[in-house]
């Protein structure tokens, strides 16, 4: 599993070096019906929901985790997505991100991210608050509960937000800290009033994720696999953790 996460995530990173393609702007929601809108919303909810890419153990009051990140999500309903966008057809959405986490007292951490699909009007910001129920140690794992939120920006025809709640566990071994978690994501997808045949969709998706953080002294690397609903995402983050 870890090898597959690494391979796909690194592939996503390589996509950033490719020449820009025709725009994939969401601008034609009027071309689909309500059933297709629900499936589109499930794909976008899974893709744009908050991805932590961080172990459960708290950073501590002086701690920071900063990184440049890439997430790739294979769309389960690519034909619907390609109907509502102008430009190139895609089957996988690639989201480059900036991600920052800051440690606070009492086992609390906060985090935020900002992402944009290349050459598209799809942009998303996210935030989290995490509390370490168990801080972990040499012989014991860390256990944390997280609340998260994300919101789509840049798309005039659609307002989409996600709210997440998950529990994660991690245990460090030298420079490696594997982690895993389970939770739920609540999605609210609201079409613009200018599209009268579509109405809001409000639903929840189950979430599971697994990853590993590697602290290599000079650089910190985290890789993660996530399944939210039926969509699978892979992510990789390069940065600094101290």
Foldseek 3Di string as FASTA:
>chain_A
DQVVLVVVAVVLVVVVVDDAFAEFEQAAPLVDFAVLVVLVQQQCLFVFFDDDLDAQAFQAQAKKWWWWKKKKKFRPCQVSSSVRTPGDRDRIFIWIKTKMKHGNPQQKIKIKMKTDGPRYQWIKIKIKIKHWPANADQPGKIKIKMWMKMWTDRHPFKTKMKIWIKMKIWHDDVQKIKMKIWIKMWMWMATDVVNPRYGIDTDMWIKIKIKMWGCPPVKIKIWMWMQTHNMIMIMMIIGDID
